[in-house]
Structure formats: C-alpha cells, structure tokens
Amino acid sequence: MPLSLPPQVHVFVRDWLSSNNVVLKSPQGHVLVDTGYTTHVPLTLALLASRQGLDGDPLALIVNTHCHSDHIGGNAAVTRAYGCPIAIPAAELRAVEAWDTKALLLDYAGQFADPFAVGQVLEPGSTHVWGDLEWQALAAPGHDMGALVFFNGEHRILISGDALWENGFGFVPPPEIDPEAMPAALATLDMLATLDARVVIPGHGEPFGNVAEAIARARRRAVAFAGDSQRTAWHGMKVILAFSLLHRRRMALEGLPPFVARTGLFQDLNARFFALPADVLATRLADDLVRAGVARRDAGDLVAA
C-alpha cells in the first residue's frame, strides 16, 4: 500500500536529538506538533518559515505529544516568534508549571529546555480538529507516563511520539525504578494495535507503514527488556549518554566520569544495578557507544559519529 499523507500534513524528519516536527495546515490556523531540542531552534524556525512549513503564515497552536526535552525544546522560541499558545498533555501540567526538572528529565538526565507557559491542556479521549482533520488524543503511557498519541481515523494516520517507532520505542525504565512503566508501555502497544493505523508518523525516524510488524517488533523488545532489568538500565544509560553527546558533539573523555557522577539518572541506575566507580562506568559506556558506531574516540574526546 503506498505511503501517502494528505496535502495538509507535512513532516519535517529531524534526528535523534530533535523530534520530528509535524505541521498540520488549515485556513483556520496551522498547528505544529512537537518543536525539537533547544540547540536546534534556529533550524526549527527556518523549517517553519520555509515554503513547506508556514511560508509566512501565522501559527495558531503548538501541540506536544509529551514533555521531554527533544519534543519541547523549541516551545519557548517558537511561541515567541509566532505568539501562539502551547497545548500539552493534561498529565504533564503539574511538572511543567512547577518546571520540575527531574520529572521532565532535564538536568536529571543532563538535558536542557527553556521554560514556557501552558495555554491549553489535552485530555485523553478528547478530539481536536487540526489541519482540517479530526484527531483523537489517546493516552500512551510507558516511555512517558503522561504521553499522548494522536490518531486520525479518516486517513488512519497515527502521530505516535515516542510510544512507537519503526524499530522500537523510547526508553522505558526498569520496574525497580518505576514498576508501572513497562506494563503501561505494553498496554499502549496493545491499544495501538487496535487502531489499524495505515501510516505512523513517529517522534524519530521516517513515517512508515507495515504498522502491525512495527508493533510486533516493539512488543518483542518490550518483553525482552521487561525480563532483564540490568539490560534495561544499561540501555537507558547508553541512550542518555548518546543524547548528551549529540547535544555537545564531543565530550572530553576525562570529563565523562564527573559527568556521570553528577547526573541524577546515571547515579540512580548505577547505584541500583551496577555499583561501579564513575570512571569504570564512564569507560564502559563509552566503549559500548564506540562499538555500536554511535561515537568514536578522537584526541582525548568522545565524538558523536
């Protein structure tokens, strides 16, 4: 089946530091779903200003699938540029209004975002008309317990955030850290399977079809992680270090031990599962990233590949 989207739906595919941006166009007002990471704000604004983006039109609303840094990092800058409100999942409101940097996985995970004002909250089960299409907001806990996905039944399009990628999903903590997260992620995959989506626009990666196969892959991955907390914790630390490296582009190898020692997520996962000295932890994580082709060593630095 051809992979097609209605003309009013445009996806800017970004990378693993910035989430994809989805522009939903309508004469009644354009809507932007997710705004990427803070260091990529200039590119986000340039994409929005382009012919494929807003092409000089106003922006009516920013919508976030969830409130992690790679999805909300451009919120403050985009709303300053366009004067539009920001809508977030209702379950994220308390953390955003308090700017709880641990709950939002900001400094707790070595990440950053500028605070922003919330203009609207989106309740699970609510329906919204964006881009002249009707979207149902569905609760999708797991990677983020307050996350939403958005489904258009007419064209069977799912905007999935980090609840489902073509080959997996966003990091879900082990049960020793959050006992509800992995069961919720599995339940979310089961819910997504009932939608019979034709096309998924994920938070990262190209839009894809073959949705049932992607859900099956994600379920196998979730079950494997659910049965091995140490593997899950190690994977989480690698993901966070890789993200930090993408943000900084290069990190001094001698600076990695103090970085993992002072960053809360590394502290908590290491203390619970590994109890490694910071220098050993940093070296082993760096080795794994190099073996995976995510990074390389260069003149005393770890460099994003």
C-alpha atoms as a PDB file:
ATOM      1  CA  MET A   1       0.000   0.000   0.000  1.00  0.00           C
ATOM      2  CA  PRO A   2       1.517   3.377  -0.958  1.00  0.00           C
ATOM      3  CA  LEU A   3       2.689   5.519   1.934  1.00  0.00           C
ATOM      4  CA  SER A   4       0.811   8.776   1.443  1.00  0.00           C
ATOM      5  CA  LEU A   5      -0.271  11.678   3.611  1.00  0.00           C
ATOM      6  CA  PRO A   6      -2.976  14.277   2.975  1.00  0.00           C
ATOM      7  CA  PRO A   7      -1.583  17.517   1.492  1.00  0.00           C
ATOM      8  CA  GLN A   8      -2.260  19.445   4.700  1.00  0.00           C
ATOM      9  CA  VAL A   9       0.044  17.127   6.698  1.00  0.00           C
ATOM     10  CA  HIS A  10       3.767  17.834   6.358  1.00  0.00           C
ATOM     11  CA  VAL A  11       6.511  16.110   8.343  1.00  0.00           C
ATOM     12  CA  PHE A  12       9.957  17.569   8.904  1.00  0.00           C
ATOM     13  CA  VAL A  13      12.005  14.473   9.702  1.00  0.00           C
ATOM     14  CA  ARG A  14      14.711  15.513  12.150  1.00  0.00           C
ATOM     15  CA  ASP A  15      17.152  13.237  14.001  1.00  0.00           C
ATOM     16  CA  TRP A  16      17.722  11.626  17.401  1.00  0.00           C
ATOM     17  CA  LEU A  17      18.408  14.940  19.158  1.00  0.00           C
ATOM     18  CA  SER A  18      15.327  16.740  17.848  1.00  0.00           C
ATOM     19  CA  SER A  19      11.962  15.076  17.453  1.00  0.00           C
ATOM     20  CA  ASN A  20      10.174  15.237  14.133  1.00  0.00           C
ATOM     21  CA  ASN A  21       8.014  18.302  13.536  1.00  0.00           C
ATOM     22  CA  VAL A  22       4.530  17.753  12.115  1.00  0.00           C
ATOM     23  CA  VAL A  23       2.821  20.741  10.507  1.00  0.00           C
ATOM     24  CA  LEU A  24      -0.953  20.439  10.116  1.00  0.00           C
ATOM     25  CA  LYS A  25      -2.130  23.156   7.737  1.00  0.00           C
ATOM     26  CA  SER A  26      -5.550  24.769   7.555  1.00  0.00           C
ATOM     27  CA  PRO A  27      -7.021  28.135   6.546  1.00  0.00           C
ATOM     28  CA  GLN A  28      -8.479  28.152  10.071  1.00  0.00           C
ATOM     29  CA  GLY A  29      -4.971  28.087  11.571  1.00  0.00           C
ATOM     30  CA  HIS A  30      -1.837  25.966  11.284  1.00  0.00           C
ATOM     31  CA  VAL A  31      -0.780  23.598  14.080  1.00  0.00           C
ATOM     32  CA  LEU A  32       2.724  22.343  14.900  1.00  0.00           C
ATOM     33  CA  VAL A  33       3.191  19.044  16.727  1.00  0.00           C
ATOM     34  CA  ASP A  34       6.475  18.977  18.726  1.00  0.00           C
ATOM     35  CA  THR A  35       9.281  21.503  18.413  1.00  0.00           C
ATOM     36  CA  GLY A  36      12.589  19.621  18.719  1.00  0.00           C
ATOM     37  CA  TYR A  37      15.558  20.252  21.003  1.00  0.00           C
ATOM     38  CA  THR A  38      16.732  23.625  22.227  1.00  0.00           C
ATOM     39  CA  THR A  39      20.092  23.656  20.413  1.00  0.00           C
ATOM     40  CA  HIS A  40      18.271  23.061  17.120  1.00  0.00           C
ATOM     41  CA  VAL A  41      15.946  26.060  17.494  1.00  0.00           C
ATOM     42  CA  PRO A  42      17.474  28.031  14.565  1.00  0.00           C
ATOM     43  CA  LEU A  43      16.848  25.114  12.194  1.00  0.00           C
ATOM     44  CA  THR A  44      13.347  24.567  13.592  1.00  0.00           C
ATOM     45  CA  LEU A  45      12.476  28.213  12.947  1.00  0.00           C
ATOM     46  CA  ALA A  46      13.978  28.046   9.458  1.00  0.00           C
ATOM     47  CA  LEU A  47      11.961  24.940   8.598  1.00  0.00           C
ATOM     48  CA  LEU A  48       8.778  26.563   9.848  1.00  0.00           C
ATOM     49  CA  ALA A  49       9.446  29.655   7.761  1.00  0.00           C
ATOM     50  CA  SER A  50      10.083  27.610   4.608  1.00  0.00           C
ATOM     51  CA  ARG A  51       7.634  27.036   1.747  1.00  0.00           C
ATOM     52  CA  GLN A  52       6.907  23.522   3.031  1.00  0.00           C
ATOM     53  CA  GLY A  53       6.312  24.950   6.506  1.00  0.00           C
ATOM     54  CA  LEU A  54       4.243  28.019   7.233  1.00  0.00           C
ATOM     55  CA  ASP A  55       5.558  30.082   4.285  1.00  0.00           C
ATOM     56  CA  GLY A  56       4.935  33.343   6.127  1.00  0.00           C
ATOM     57  CA  ASP A  57       1.566  32.360   7.602  1.00  0.00           C
ATOM     58  CA  PRO A  58       0.850  32.627  11.322  1.00  0.00           C
ATOM     59  CA  LEU A  59       0.977  29.611  13.612  1.00  0.00           C
ATOM     60  CA  ALA A  60      -2.183  29.009  15.642  1.00  0.00           C
ATOM     61  CA  LEU A  61      -1.026  26.360  18.106  1.00  0.00           C
ATOM     62  CA  ILE A  62       1.879  24.219  19.293  1.00  0.00           C
ATOM     63  CA  VAL A  63       0.953  20.716  20.457  1.00  0.00           C
ATOM     64  CA  ASN A  64       3.265  18.359  22.347  1.00  0.00           C
ATOM     65  CA  THR A  65       2.939  14.582  22.379  1.00  0.00           C
ATOM     66  CA  HIS A  66       4.838  14.610  25.687  1.00  0.00           C
ATOM     67  CA  CYS A  67       7.185  16.879  27.569  1.00  0.00           C
ATOM     68  CA  HIS A  68      10.685  15.506  27.116  1.00  0.00           C
ATOM     69  CA  SER A  69      13.419  17.884  26.027  1.00  0.00           C
ATOM     70  CA  ASP A  70      13.651  16.690  22.423  1.00  0.00           C
ATOM     71  CA  HIS A  71       9.940  17.435  21.925  1.00  0.00           C
ATOM     72  CA  ILE A  72       9.532  20.704  23.884  1.00  0.00           C
ATOM     73  CA  GLY A  73      12.960  22.295  23.423  1.00  0.00           C
ATOM     74  CA  GLY A  74      11.716  24.728  20.788  1.00  0.00           C
ATOM     75  CA  ASN A  75       8.446  25.617  22.519  1.00  0.00           C
ATOM     76  CA  ALA A  76       9.602  28.870  24.101  1.00  0.00           C
ATOM     77  CA  ALA A  77      11.369  30.149  20.962  1.00  0.00           C
ATOM     78  CA  VAL A  78       8.572  29.189  18.558  1.00  0.00           C
ATOM     79  CA  THR A  79       5.874  30.784  20.685  1.00  0.00           C
ATOM     80  CA  ARG A  80       7.986  33.953  20.961  1.00  0.00           C
ATOM     81  CA  ALA A  81       8.330  34.011  17.179  1.00  0.00           C
ATOM     82  CA  TYR A  82       4.658  33.328  16.407  1.00  0.00           C
ATOM     83  CA  GLY A  83       2.755  34.415  19.509  1.00  0.00           C
ATOM     84  CA  CYS A  84       0.800  31.166  19.664  1.00  0.00           C
ATOM     85  CA  PRO A  85      -0.334  29.132  22.688  1.00  0.00           C
ATOM     86  CA  ILE A  86       1.106  25.736  23.639  1.00  0.00           C
ATOM     87  CA  ALA A  87      -1.039  22.668  24.339  1.00  0.00           C
ATOM     88  CA  ILE A  88       0.396  19.791  26.376  1.00  0.00           C
ATOM     89  CA  PRO A  89      -0.996  16.508  27.748  1.00  0.00           C
ATOM     90  CA  ALA A  90      -3.044  17.193  30.860  1.00  0.00           C
ATOM     91  CA  ALA A  91      -0.969  14.748  32.911  1.00  0.00           C
ATOM     92  CA  GLU A  92       2.169  16.823  32.255  1.00  0.00           C
ATOM     93  CA  LEU A  93       0.714  20.115  33.504  1.00  0.00           C
ATOM     94  CA  ARG A  94       1.927  19.939  37.107  1.00  0.00           C
ATOM     95  CA  ALA A  95       5.530  19.148  36.141  1.00  0.00           C
ATOM     96  CA  VAL A  96       5.646  21.899  33.502  1.00  0.00           C
ATOM     97  CA  GLU A  97       4.062  24.568  35.671  1.00  0.00           C
ATOM     98  CA  ALA A  98       6.461  23.728  38.533  1.00  0.00           C
ATOM     99  CA  TRP A  99       9.287  23.301  35.991  1.00  0.00           C
ATOM    100  CA  ASP A 100      10.212  20.075  37.768  1.00  0.00           C
ATOM    101  CA  THR A 101      13.497  19.307  36.024  1.00  0.00           C
ATOM    102  CA  LYS A 102      13.658  15.786  37.445  1.00  0.00           C
ATOM    103  CA  ALA A 103      10.146  14.803  36.397  1.00  0.00           C
ATOM    104  CA  LEU A 104      10.776  16.355  32.975  1.00  0.00           C
ATOM    105  CA  LEU A 105      14.138  14.518  32.662  1.00  0.00           C
ATOM    106  CA  LEU A 106      16.040  17.755  32.127  1.00  0.00           C
ATOM    107  CA  ASP A 107      19.093  18.320  34.359  1.00  0.00           C
ATOM    108  CA  TYR A 108      18.347  14.924  35.927  1.00  0.00           C
ATOM    109  CA  ALA A 109      19.334  13.429  32.553  1.00  0.00           C
ATOM    110  CA  GLY A 110      21.862  16.097  31.535  1.00  0.00           C
ATOM    111  CA  GLN A 111      19.393  17.789  29.179  1.00  0.00           C
ATOM    112  CA  PHE A 112      18.014  21.295  28.766  1.00  0.00           C
ATOM    113  CA  ALA A 113      14.895  23.210  27.720  1.00  0.00           C
ATOM    114  CA  ASP A 114      13.635  26.741  28.244  1.00  0.00           C
ATOM    115  CA  PRO A 115      10.523  27.126  30.430  1.00  0.00           C
ATOM    116  CA  PHE A 116       7.294  28.007  28.658  1.00  0.00           C
ATOM    117  CA  ALA A 117       3.718  28.928  29.535  1.00  0.00           C
ATOM    118  CA  VAL A 118       0.968  26.367  29.003  1.00  0.00           C
ATOM    119  CA  GLY A 119      -2.035  27.691  27.092  1.00  0.00           C
ATOM    120  CA  GLN A 120      -4.141  24.529  26.837  1.00  0.00           C
ATOM    121  CA  VAL A 121      -4.223  21.002  28.205  1.00  0.00           C
ATOM    122  CA  LEU A 122      -5.200  17.978  26.173  1.00  0.00           C
ATOM    123  CA  GLU A 123      -7.206  15.255  27.895  1.00  0.00           C
ATOM    124  CA  PRO A 124      -7.017  11.604  26.822  1.00  0.00           C
ATOM    125  CA  GLY A 125     -10.073  10.768  24.757  1.00  0.00           C
ATOM    126  CA  SER A 126     -10.550  14.339  23.549  1.00  0.00           C
ATOM    127  CA  THR A 127     -10.996  15.167  19.866  1.00  0.00           C
ATOM    128  CA  HIS A 128      -9.416  18.096  18.026  1.00  0.00           C
ATOM    129  CA  VAL A 129      -9.625  19.476  14.501  1.00  0.00           C
ATOM    130  CA  TRP A 130      -6.125  20.355  13.311  1.00  0.00           C
ATOM    131  CA  GLY A 131      -5.220  20.756   9.652  1.00  0.00           C
ATOM    132  CA  ASP A 132      -8.893  20.285   8.715  1.00  0.00           C
ATOM    133  CA  LEU A 133      -8.633  16.727  10.061  1.00  0.00           C
ATOM    134  CA  GLU A 134     -10.129  15.228  13.197  1.00  0.00           C
ATOM    135  CA  TRP A 135      -7.563  13.853  15.641  1.00  0.00           C
ATOM    136  CA  GLN A 136      -8.318  11.773  18.705  1.00  0.00           C
ATOM    137  CA  ALA A 137      -5.925  12.205  21.622  1.00  0.00           C
ATOM    138  CA  LEU A 138      -5.167   8.823  23.189  1.00  0.00           C
ATOM    139  CA  ALA A 139      -3.242   8.110  26.393  1.00  0.00           C
ATOM    140  CA  ALA A 140       0.057   6.347  25.595  1.00  0.00           C
ATOM    141  CA  PRO A 141       1.945   5.851  28.877  1.00  0.00           C
ATOM    142  CA  GLY A 142       5.224   3.966  29.127  1.00  0.00           C
ATOM    143  CA  HIS A 143       8.200   5.962  27.851  1.00  0.00           C
ATOM    144  CA  ASP A 144       6.453   8.980  29.381  1.00  0.00           C
ATOM    145  CA  MET A 145       3.577   8.202  31.708  1.00  0.00           C
ATOM    146  CA  GLY A 146       1.652  11.307  30.625  1.00  0.00           C
ATOM    147  CA  ALA A 147       2.185  10.954  26.874  1.00  0.00           C
ATOM    148  CA  LEU A 148      -0.497  11.199  24.217  1.00  0.00           C
ATOM    149  CA  VAL A 149      -0.655   9.967  20.648  1.00  0.00           C
ATOM    150  CA  PHE A 150      -2.959  11.463  18.013  1.00  0.00           C
ATOM    151  CA  PHE A 151      -4.986   9.347  15.598  1.00  0.00           C
ATOM    152  CA  ASN A 152      -6.914  10.396  12.509  1.00  0.00           C
ATOM    153  CA  GLY A 153      -9.390   7.655  11.642  1.00  0.00           C
ATOM    154  CA  GLU A 154     -10.310   9.002   8.197  1.00  0.00           C
ATOM    155  CA  HIS A 155      -6.817   8.506   6.779  1.00  0.00           C
ATOM    156  CA  ARG A 156      -5.680   6.059   9.518  1.00  0.00           C
ATOM    157  CA  ILE A 157      -2.705   8.232  10.449  1.00  0.00           C
ATOM    158  CA  LEU A 158      -1.059   7.899  13.858  1.00  0.00           C
ATOM    159  CA  ILE A 159       1.230  10.587  15.287  1.00  0.00           C
ATOM    160  CA  SER A 160       2.950   8.344  17.805  1.00  0.00           C
ATOM    161  CA  GLY A 161       5.588  10.459  19.543  1.00  0.00           C
ATOM    162  CA  ASP A 162       7.967   8.047  21.276  1.00  0.00           C
ATOM    163  CA  ALA A 163       5.349   5.399  22.046  1.00  0.00           C
ATOM    164  CA  LEU A 164       6.128   3.614  18.767  1.00  0.00           C
ATOM    165  CA  TRP A 165       8.964   3.874  16.262  1.00  0.00           C
ATOM    166  CA  GLU A 166       9.546   1.686  13.236  1.00  0.00           C
ATOM    167  CA  ASN A 167      12.101  -0.277  15.257  1.00  0.00           C
ATOM    168  CA  GLY A 168      11.200   0.197  18.892  1.00  0.00           C
ATOM    169  CA  PHE A 169      10.121   2.987  21.208  1.00  0.00           C
ATOM    170  CA  GLY A 170      11.568   5.469  23.689  1.00  0.00           C
ATOM    171  CA  PHE A 171      13.429   4.216  26.767  1.00  0.00           C
ATOM    172  CA  VAL A 172      11.203   2.730  29.462  1.00  0.00           C
ATOM    173  CA  PRO A 173      12.744   2.443  32.952  1.00  0.00           C
ATOM    174  CA  PRO A 174      13.063  -0.925  34.704  1.00  0.00           C
ATOM    175  CA  PRO A 175      10.436  -1.910  37.277  1.00  0.00           C
ATOM    176  CA  GLU A 176      12.787  -1.238  40.186  1.00  0.00           C
ATOM    177  CA  ILE A 177      12.685   2.449  39.160  1.00  0.00           C
ATOM    178  CA  ASP A 178       9.044   2.646  38.020  1.00  0.00           C
ATOM    179  CA  PRO A 179       7.013  -0.561  38.369  1.00  0.00           C
ATOM    180  CA  GLU A 180       4.158   0.858  36.277  1.00  0.00           C
ATOM    181  CA  ALA A 181       6.155   1.960  33.230  1.00  0.00           C
ATOM    182  CA  MET A 182       6.808  -1.275  31.303  1.00  0.00           C
ATOM    183  CA  PRO A 183       3.321  -2.743  31.865  1.00  0.00           C
ATOM    184  CA  ALA A 184       1.960   0.596  30.659  1.00  0.00           C
ATOM    185  CA  ALA A 185       4.192   0.506  27.576  1.00  0.00           C
ATOM    186  CA  LEU A 186       2.956  -2.989  26.715  1.00  0.00           C
ATOM    187  CA  ALA A 187      -0.663  -1.918  27.226  1.00  0.00           C
ATOM    188  CA  THR A 188      -0.036   1.086  24.958  1.00  0.00           C
ATOM    189  CA  LEU A 189       1.264  -1.202  22.206  1.00  0.00           C
ATOM    190  CA  ASP A 190      -1.838  -3.350  22.572  1.00  0.00           C
ATOM    191  CA  MET A 191      -4.009  -0.243  22.268  1.00  0.00           C
ATOM    192  CA  LEU A 192      -2.151   0.960  19.186  1.00  0.00           C
ATOM    193  CA  ALA A 193      -2.671  -2.428  17.559  1.00  0.00           C
ATOM    194  CA  THR A 194      -6.444  -1.928  17.758  1.00  0.00           C
ATOM    195  CA  LEU A 195      -6.320   1.278  15.718  1.00  0.00           C
ATOM    196  CA  ASP A 196      -5.452  -0.383  12.394  1.00  0.00           C
ATOM    197  CA  ALA A 197      -3.255   2.596  11.505  1.00  0.00           C
ATOM    198  CA  ARG A 198      -2.072   2.787   7.887  1.00  0.00           C
ATOM    199  CA  VAL A 199       0.749   5.266   8.447  1.00  0.00           C
ATOM    200  CA  VAL A 200       2.694   6.122  11.586  1.00  0.00           C
ATOM    201  CA  ILE A 201       4.458   9.469  11.976  1.00  0.00           C
ATOM    202  CA  PRO A 202       6.903   8.656  14.790  1.00  0.00           C
ATOM    203  CA  GLY A 203       8.740  11.040  17.069  1.00  0.00           C
ATOM    204  CA  HIS A 204      12.006   9.989  15.397  1.00  0.00           C
ATOM    205  CA  GLY A 205      12.632   8.437  12.003  1.00  0.00           C
ATOM    206  CA  GLU A 206      10.751   8.431   8.719  1.00  0.00           C
ATOM    207  CA  PRO A 207       6.973   7.897   8.595  1.00  0.00           C
ATOM    208  CA  PHE A 208       6.277   4.222   7.999  1.00  0.00           C
ATOM    209  CA  GLY A 209       3.645   1.676   7.042  1.00  0.00           C
ATOM    210  CA  ASN A 210       3.678  -2.029   7.962  1.00  0.00           C
ATOM    211  CA  VAL A 211       2.384  -0.896  11.333  1.00  0.00           C
ATOM    212  CA  ALA A 212       1.467  -4.346  12.631  1.00  0.00           C
ATOM    213  CA  GLU A 213       5.037  -5.525  12.046  1.00  0.00           C
ATOM    214  CA  ALA A 214       6.438  -2.494  13.879  1.00  0.00           C
ATOM    215  CA  ILE A 215       4.136  -3.110  16.840  1.00  0.00           C
ATOM    216  CA  ALA A 216       5.165  -6.770  16.932  1.00  0.00           C
ATOM    217  CA  ARG A 217       8.853  -5.791  16.933  1.00  0.00           C
ATOM    218  CA  ALA A 218       8.237  -3.247  19.680  1.00  0.00           C
ATOM    219  CA  ARG A 219       6.348  -5.801  21.755  1.00  0.00           C
ATOM    220  CA  ARG A 220       9.187  -8.348  21.472  1.00  0.00           C
ATOM    221  CA  ARG A 221      11.633  -5.671  22.522  1.00  0.00           C
ATOM    222  CA  ALA A 222       9.474  -4.625  25.468  1.00  0.00           C
ATOM    223  CA  VAL A 223       9.078  -8.214  26.676  1.00  0.00           C
ATOM    224  CA  ALA A 224      12.834  -8.761  26.461  1.00  0.00           C
ATOM    225  CA  PHE A 225      13.565  -5.628  28.457  1.00  0.00           C
ATOM    226  CA  ALA A 226      10.843  -6.437  30.979  1.00  0.00           C
ATOM    227  CA  GLY A 227      12.630  -9.692  31.774  1.00  0.00           C
ATOM    228  CA  ASP A 228      16.091  -8.175  32.273  1.00  0.00           C
ATOM    229  CA  SER A 229      16.286  -5.069  34.451  1.00  0.00           C
ATOM    230  CA  GLN A 230      20.079  -4.789  34.246  1.00  0.00           C
ATOM    231  CA  ARG A 231      19.955  -4.815  30.456  1.00  0.00           C
ATOM    232  CA  THR A 232      17.207  -2.201  30.541  1.00  0.00           C
ATOM    233  CA  ALA A 233      19.151   0.041  32.917  1.00  0.00           C
ATOM    234  CA  TRP A 234      22.344  -0.231  30.867  1.00  0.00           C
ATOM    235  CA  HIS A 235      20.451   0.535  27.675  1.00  0.00           C
ATOM    236  CA  GLY A 236      18.946   3.595  29.338  1.00  0.00           C
ATOM    237  CA  MET A 237      22.329   4.942  30.373  1.00  0.00           C
ATOM    238  CA  LYS A 238      23.721   4.408  26.874  1.00  0.00           C
ATOM    239  CA  VAL A 239      20.741   6.237  25.364  1.00  0.00           C
ATOM    240  CA  ILE A 240      21.165   9.196  27.713  1.00  0.00           C
ATOM    241  CA  LEU A 241      24.918   9.413  27.143  1.00  0.00           C
ATOM    242  CA  ALA A 242      24.415   9.198  23.364  1.00  0.00           C
ATOM    243  CA  PHE A 243      21.850  12.009  23.566  1.00  0.00           C
ATOM    244  CA  SER A 244      24.248  14.150  25.637  1.00  0.00           C
ATOM    245  CA  LEU A 245      26.962  13.505  23.075  1.00  0.00           C
ATOM    246  CA  LEU A 246      24.690  14.525  20.198  1.00  0.00           C
ATOM    247  CA  HIS A 247      23.911  17.720  22.108  1.00  0.00           C
ATOM    248  CA  ARG A 248      27.561  18.598  22.727  1.00  0.00           C
ATOM    249  CA  ARG A 249      29.005  16.918  19.589  1.00  0.00           C
ATOM    250  CA  ARG A 250      32.157  15.996  21.551  1.00  0.00           C
ATOM    251  CA  MET A 251      32.911  15.375  25.212  1.00  0.00           C
ATOM    252  CA  ALA A 252      36.351  15.132  26.801  1.00  0.00           C
ATOM    253  CA  LEU A 253      36.968  11.559  27.921  1.00  0.00           C
ATOM    254  CA  GLU A 254      38.431  12.839  31.176  1.00  0.00           C
ATOM    255  CA  GLY A 255      35.194  14.749  31.759  1.00  0.00           C
ATOM    256  CA  LEU A 256      32.926  11.706  31.406  1.00  0.00           C
ATOM    257  CA  PRO A 257      33.415  10.326  34.947  1.00  0.00           C
ATOM    258  CA  PRO A 258      32.400  13.592  36.648  1.00  0.00           C
ATOM    259  CA  PHE A 259      29.505  13.952  34.194  1.00  0.00           C
ATOM    260  CA  VAL A 260      28.033  10.537  35.040  1.00  0.00           C
ATOM    261  CA  ALA A 261      28.806  11.076  38.742  1.00  0.00           C
ATOM    262  CA  ARG A 262      26.820  14.316  38.955  1.00  0.00           C
ATOM    263  CA  THR A 263      23.912  13.429  36.643  1.00  0.00           C
ATOM    264  CA  GLY A 264      20.989  12.035  38.619  1.00  0.00           C
ATOM    265  CA  LEU A 265      19.788   9.390  36.183  1.00  0.00           C
ATOM    266  CA  PHE A 266      23.244   7.792  35.960  1.00  0.00           C
ATOM    267  CA  GLN A 267      23.582   7.982  39.749  1.00  0.00           C
ATOM    268  CA  ASP A 268      20.273   6.225  40.356  1.00  0.00           C
ATOM    269  CA  LEU A 269      20.600   3.477  37.748  1.00  0.00           C
ATOM    270  CA  ASN A 270      24.235   2.798  38.621  1.00  0.00           C
ATOM    271  CA  ALA A 271      23.532   2.670  42.363  1.00  0.00           C
ATOM    272  CA  ARG A 272      20.585   0.319  41.920  1.00  0.00           C
ATOM    273  CA  PHE A 273      22.047  -2.105  39.376  1.00  0.00           C
ATOM    274  CA  PHE A 274      25.828  -1.851  38.964  1.00  0.00           C
ATOM    275  CA  ALA A 275      27.611  -0.003  41.797  1.00  0.00           C
ATOM    276  CA  LEU A 276      30.516   0.851  39.503  1.00  0.00           C
ATOM    277  CA  PRO A 277      33.050   3.615  40.184  1.00  0.00           C
ATOM    278  CA  ALA A 278      32.338   6.605  37.972  1.00  0.00           C
ATOM    279  CA  ASP A 279      35.489   6.141  35.907  1.00  0.00           C
ATOM    280  CA  VAL A 280      34.681   2.487  35.215  1.00  0.00           C
ATOM    281  CA  LEU A 281      31.056   3.286  34.382  1.00  0.00           C
ATOM    282  CA  ALA A 282      32.046   6.094  32.007  1.00  0.00           C
ATOM    283  CA  THR A 283      34.667   3.978  30.245  1.00  0.00           C
ATOM    284  CA  ARG A 284      32.322   1.025  29.742  1.00  0.00           C
ATOM    285  CA  LEU A 285      29.527   3.244  28.419  1.00  0.00           C
ATOM    286  CA  ALA A 286      31.920   4.993  26.030  1.00  0.00           C
ATOM    287  CA  ASP A 287      33.256   1.627  24.852  1.00  0.00           C
ATOM    288  CA  ASP A 288      29.728   0.447  24.103  1.00  0.00           C
ATOM    289  CA  LEU A 289      28.894   3.591  22.134  1.00  0.00           C
ATOM    290  CA  VAL A 290      32.069   3.198  20.076  1.00  0.00           C
ATOM    291  CA  ARG A 291      31.342  -0.482  19.407  1.00  0.00           C
ATOM    292  CA  ALA A 292      27.819   0.447  18.299  1.00  0.00           C
ATOM    293  CA  GLY A 293      29.171   3.040  15.858  1.00  0.00           C
ATOM    294  CA  VAL A 294      27.399   5.848  17.708  1.00  0.00           C
ATOM    295  CA  ALA A 295      30.668   7.516  18.744  1.00  0.00           C
ATOM    296  CA  ARG A 296      34.396   7.479  18.118  1.00  0.00           C
ATOM    297  CA  ARG A 297      37.439   8.495  20.135  1.00  0.00           C
ATOM    298  CA  ASP A 298      39.437  11.417  18.794  1.00  0.00           C
ATOM    299  CA  ALA A 299      42.346  13.213  20.513  1.00  0.00           C
ATOM    300  CA  GLY A 300      41.099  12.570  24.035  1.00  0.00           C
ATOM    301  CA  ASP A 301      37.452  13.227  23.200  1.00  0.00           C
ATOM    302  CA  LEU A 302      34.399  11.115  22.628  1.00  0.00           C
ATOM    303  CA  VAL A 303      32.890  12.408  19.379  1.00  0.00           C
ATOM    304  CA  ALA A 304      29.386  11.850  18.027  1.00  0.00           C
ATOM    305  CA  ALA A 305      29.505   9.725  14.900  1.00  0.00           C
END
